[in-house]
Structure formats: structure tokens, C-alpha cells
C-alpha atoms as a PDB file:
ATOM      1  CA  MET A   1      17.572 -47.122  27.671  1.00  0.00           C
ATOM      2  CA  VAL A   2      16.319 -43.548  27.459  1.00  0.00           C
ATOM      3  CA  ILE A   3      17.100 -41.589  24.376  1.00  0.00           C
ATOM      4  CA  GLU A   4      17.126 -37.875  24.846  1.00  0.00           C
ATOM      5  CA  MET A   5      16.383 -35.786  21.832  1.00  0.00           C
ATOM      6  CA  SER A   6      18.223 -32.549  21.521  1.00  0.00           C
ATOM      7  CA  HIS A   7      15.826 -29.679  21.896  1.00  0.00           C
ATOM      8  CA  LYS A   8      16.732 -26.855  19.579  1.00  0.00           C
ATOM      9  CA  ASN A   9      15.830 -23.341  20.626  1.00  0.00           C
ATOM     10  CA  SER A  10      13.180 -21.835  18.417  1.00  0.00           C
ATOM     11  CA  TYR A  11      14.253 -18.294  19.227  1.00  0.00           C
ATOM     12  CA  MET A  12      16.310 -16.301  16.821  1.00  0.00           C
ATOM     13  CA  PHE A  13      17.949 -13.207  18.181  1.00  0.00           C
ATOM     14  CA  THR A  14      18.818 -10.521  15.706  1.00  0.00           C
ATOM     15  CA  ASN A  15      19.337  -6.809  15.638  1.00  0.00           C
ATOM     16  CA  LYS A  16      17.344  -6.402  12.422  1.00  0.00           C
ATOM     17  CA  SER A  17      14.348  -4.118  12.441  1.00  0.00           C
ATOM     18  CA  HIS A  18      11.676  -3.037  10.005  1.00  0.00           C
ATOM     19  CA  THR A  19      12.457  -0.038   7.855  1.00  0.00           C
ATOM     20  CA  GLN A  20      10.691   3.158   8.844  1.00  0.00           C
ATOM     21  CA  LYS A  21      10.286   4.155   5.214  1.00  0.00           C
ATOM     22  CA  GLY A  22       8.701   0.783   4.465  1.00  0.00           C
ATOM     23  CA  ILE A  23       6.232   1.261   7.299  1.00  0.00           C
ATOM     24  CA  MET A  24       5.435   4.759   6.015  1.00  0.00           C
ATOM     25  CA  ALA A  25       4.924   3.375   2.495  1.00  0.00           C
ATOM     26  CA  THR A  26       2.488   0.819   3.890  1.00  0.00           C
ATOM     27  CA  ILE A  27       0.594   3.511   5.805  1.00  0.00           C
ATOM     28  CA  LEU A  28       0.345   5.652   2.672  1.00  0.00           C
ATOM     29  CA  GLY A  29      -0.918   2.631   0.727  1.00  0.00           C
ATOM     30  CA  VAL A  30      -3.613   1.900   3.301  1.00  0.00           C
ATOM     31  CA  ILE A  31      -4.695   5.554   3.387  1.00  0.00           C
ATOM     32  CA  SER A  32      -4.813   5.626  -0.420  1.00  0.00           C
ATOM     33  CA  LEU A  33      -6.923   2.488  -0.690  1.00  0.00           C
ATOM     34  CA  ILE A  34      -9.336   3.552   2.048  1.00  0.00           C
ATOM     35  CA  THR A  35      -9.781   6.942   0.386  1.00  0.00           C
ATOM     36  CA  LEU A  36     -10.366   5.316  -2.992  1.00  0.00           C
ATOM     37  CA  VAL A  37     -12.947   2.893  -1.630  1.00  0.00           C
ATOM     38  CA  TYR A  38     -14.757   5.704   0.171  1.00  0.00           C
ATOM     39  CA  THR A  39     -14.735   7.870  -2.957  1.00  0.00           C
ATOM     40  CA  LEU A  40     -16.036   5.041  -5.131  1.00  0.00           C
ATOM     41  CA  VAL A  41     -18.807   4.114  -2.699  1.00  0.00           C
ATOM     42  CA  MET A  42     -19.962   7.709  -2.277  1.00  0.00           C
ATOM     43  CA  SER A  43     -19.830   8.265  -6.037  1.00  0.00           C
ATOM     44  CA  TYR A  44     -21.930   5.155  -6.607  1.00  0.00           C
ATOM     45  CA  ARG A  45     -24.481   6.246  -3.995  1.00  0.00           C
ATOM     46  CA  SER A  46     -24.905   9.652  -5.629  1.00  0.00           C
ATOM     47  CA  ALA A  47     -25.438   8.060  -9.072  1.00  0.00           C
ATOM     48  CA  GLY A  48     -22.294   9.586 -10.541  1.00  0.00           C
ATOM     49  CA  GLN A  49     -23.091  13.187  -9.581  1.00  0.00           C
ATOM     50  CA  ILE A  50     -19.935  13.779  -7.608  1.00  0.00           C
ATOM     51  CA  PRO A  51     -18.610  17.034  -6.168  1.00  0.00           C
ATOM     52  CA  GLY A  52     -15.138  18.320  -6.994  1.00  0.00           C
ATOM     53  CA  GLN A  53     -13.779  17.222  -3.625  1.00  0.00           C
ATOM     54  CA  TYR A  54     -13.779  13.613  -4.807  1.00  0.00           C
ATOM     55  CA  GLY A  55     -11.567  14.552  -7.741  1.00  0.00           C
ATOM     56  CA  ALA A  56      -9.204  16.355  -5.372  1.00  0.00           C
ATOM     57  CA  ALA A  57      -9.151  13.261  -3.158  1.00  0.00           C
ATOM     58  CA  ALA A  58      -8.261  11.113  -6.181  1.00  0.00           C
ATOM     59  CA  LEU A  59      -5.436  13.511  -7.029  1.00  0.00           C
ATOM     60  CA  LEU A  60      -4.098  13.262  -3.474  1.00  0.00           C
ATOM     61  CA  VAL A  61      -4.380   9.472  -3.648  1.00  0.00           C
ATOM     62  CA  THR A  62      -2.264   9.537  -6.801  1.00  0.00           C
ATOM     63  CA  ILE A  63       0.382  11.700  -5.129  1.00  0.00           C
ATOM     64  CA  PHE A  64       0.369   9.522  -1.981  1.00  0.00           C
ATOM     65  CA  ALA A  65       0.686   6.380  -4.079  1.00  0.00           C
ATOM     66  CA  PHE A  66       3.670   7.671  -6.057  1.00  0.00           C
ATOM     67  CA  VAL A  67       5.373   8.800  -2.841  1.00  0.00           C
ATOM     68  CA  GLY A  68       4.565   5.425  -1.258  1.00  0.00           C
ATOM     69  CA  VAL A  69       6.091   3.493  -4.152  1.00  0.00           C
ATOM     70  CA  GLY A  70       9.186   5.682  -3.938  1.00  0.00           C
ATOM     71  CA  LEU A  71       9.505   5.168  -0.178  1.00  0.00           C
ATOM     72  CA  GLY A  72       9.029   1.434  -0.571  1.00  0.00           C
ATOM     73  CA  MET A  73      11.736   1.200  -3.194  1.00  0.00           C
ATOM     74  CA  VAL A  74      14.161   3.343  -1.194  1.00  0.00           C
ATOM     75  CA  SER A  75      13.495   1.319   1.960  1.00  0.00           C
ATOM     76  CA  ARG A  76      14.223  -1.887   0.050  1.00  0.00           C
ATOM     77  CA  THR A  77      17.799  -0.712  -0.538  1.00  0.00           C
ATOM     78  CA  GLU A  78      18.584  -0.494   3.196  1.00  0.00           C
ATOM     79  CA  ARG A  79      20.868  -3.234   4.451  1.00  0.00           C
ATOM     80  CA  ASP A  80      20.258  -5.648   7.335  1.00  0.00           C
ATOM     81  CA  LYS A  81      16.570  -4.858   7.697  1.00  0.00           C
ATOM     82  CA  PHE A  82      13.304  -6.742   7.405  1.00  0.00           C
ATOM     83  CA  TYR A  83      11.599  -5.927   4.105  1.00  0.00           C
ATOM     84  CA  PHE A  84       8.019  -7.073   4.735  1.00  0.00           C
ATOM     85  CA  PHE A  85       6.612  -3.556   5.017  1.00  0.00           C
ATOM     86  CA  SER A  86       8.671  -2.406   2.039  1.00  0.00           C
ATOM     87  CA  TYR A  87       7.102  -5.028  -0.203  1.00  0.00           C
ATOM     88  CA  LEU A  88       3.639  -4.533   1.289  1.00  0.00           C
ATOM     89  CA  GLY A  89       3.861  -0.760   0.811  1.00  0.00           C
ATOM     90  CA  ILE A  90       4.954  -1.141  -2.810  1.00  0.00           C
ATOM     91  CA  PHE A  91       2.113  -3.598  -3.474  1.00  0.00           C
ATOM     92  CA  LEU A  92      -0.601  -1.453  -1.868  1.00  0.00           C
ATOM     93  CA  ASN A  93       0.516   1.719  -3.626  1.00  0.00           C
ATOM     94  CA  VAL A  94       0.795   0.042  -7.024  1.00  0.00           C
ATOM     95  CA  LEU A  95      -2.703  -1.366  -6.444  1.00  0.00           C
ATOM     96  CA  ALA A  96      -3.981   2.154  -5.710  1.00  0.00           C
ATOM     97  CA  LEU A  97      -2.330   3.443  -8.891  1.00  0.00           C
ATOM     98  CA  MET A  98      -3.905   0.632 -10.894  1.00  0.00           C
ATOM     99  CA  ILE A  99      -7.353   1.491  -9.520  1.00  0.00           C
ATOM    100  CA  ILE A 100      -6.864   5.186 -10.349  1.00  0.00           C
ATOM    101  CA  SER A 101      -5.722   4.191 -13.852  1.00  0.00           C
ATOM    102  CA  ALA A 102      -8.809   2.012 -14.320  1.00  0.00           C
ATOM    103  CA  ILE A 103     -11.072   4.869 -13.204  1.00  0.00           C
ATOM    104  CA  LEU A 104      -9.400   7.283 -15.617  1.00  0.00           C
ATOM    105  CA  TYR A 105      -9.573   4.736 -18.436  1.00  0.00           C
ATOM    106  CA  ALA A 106     -13.249   4.068 -17.784  1.00  0.00           C
ATOM    107  CA  GLY A 107     -13.953   7.801 -17.682  1.00  0.00           C
ATOM    108  CA  ALA A 108     -12.056   8.525 -20.874  1.00  0.00           C
ATOM    109  CA  TYR A 109     -13.652   5.782 -22.916  1.00  0.00           C
ATOM    110  CA  GLU A 110     -17.018   5.647 -21.123  1.00  0.00           C
ATOM    111  CA  ILE A 111     -16.863   1.956 -20.317  1.00  0.00           C
ATOM    112  CA  GLY A 112     -19.846   0.653 -18.419  1.00  0.00           C
END
């Protein structure tokens, strides 16, 4: 007696797609974090004697991060979409904002 097991298809067909705003939020988060890491490394290498361009870069990172959080939150409200990039974009941009906040806090109170 041969028992045949039903083989269930492992494919799931759907018309869902990733949100474009969520993808853009993720890209802005990655750009922000890369810029922050570069700025921190170059500042460390020059023993804290940094040019004004690094401050301008930090300001742009802050703007990008706020825009990225906004895009991530707006993309989360779209219906019938995948939200992976929305959540990832929000996380990366909030992380960038936390790093900027820590840098400003350390600079204001001269920690370290």
C-alpha cells in the first residue's frame, strides 16, 4: 500500500509590492548613516580639528533623516503593500537622528 502525501505548493502569488516611499526612506537612511560614519572617522583622524564642511554634512544628515522618517511613516499608511522597507527606513533614520543627538549632547556637555 502506497500512501501519497499531498504536496502543497510553496508559491504564493500576490499583487502586493514594496512601497516606493519606503524604499526611498531606506535609501535616505543608508546615505545618512554612511555620511555620519565617514564624518566621524575623518573627524577622529584629524584629532577633532574639523572643517566646516563636516558640520554642513551633519546638517544635511539631519534633514535627510527627518525626511526619511516622514516618508517611512507615510509609506506605512499605504494599503495592500509590503512594509519591510518602510520599517527599515524608519529604523535607519531614527538611528541616524539618535547618533546626531549623541554628538550634539557630547559637544554641548564636553563628554569624553
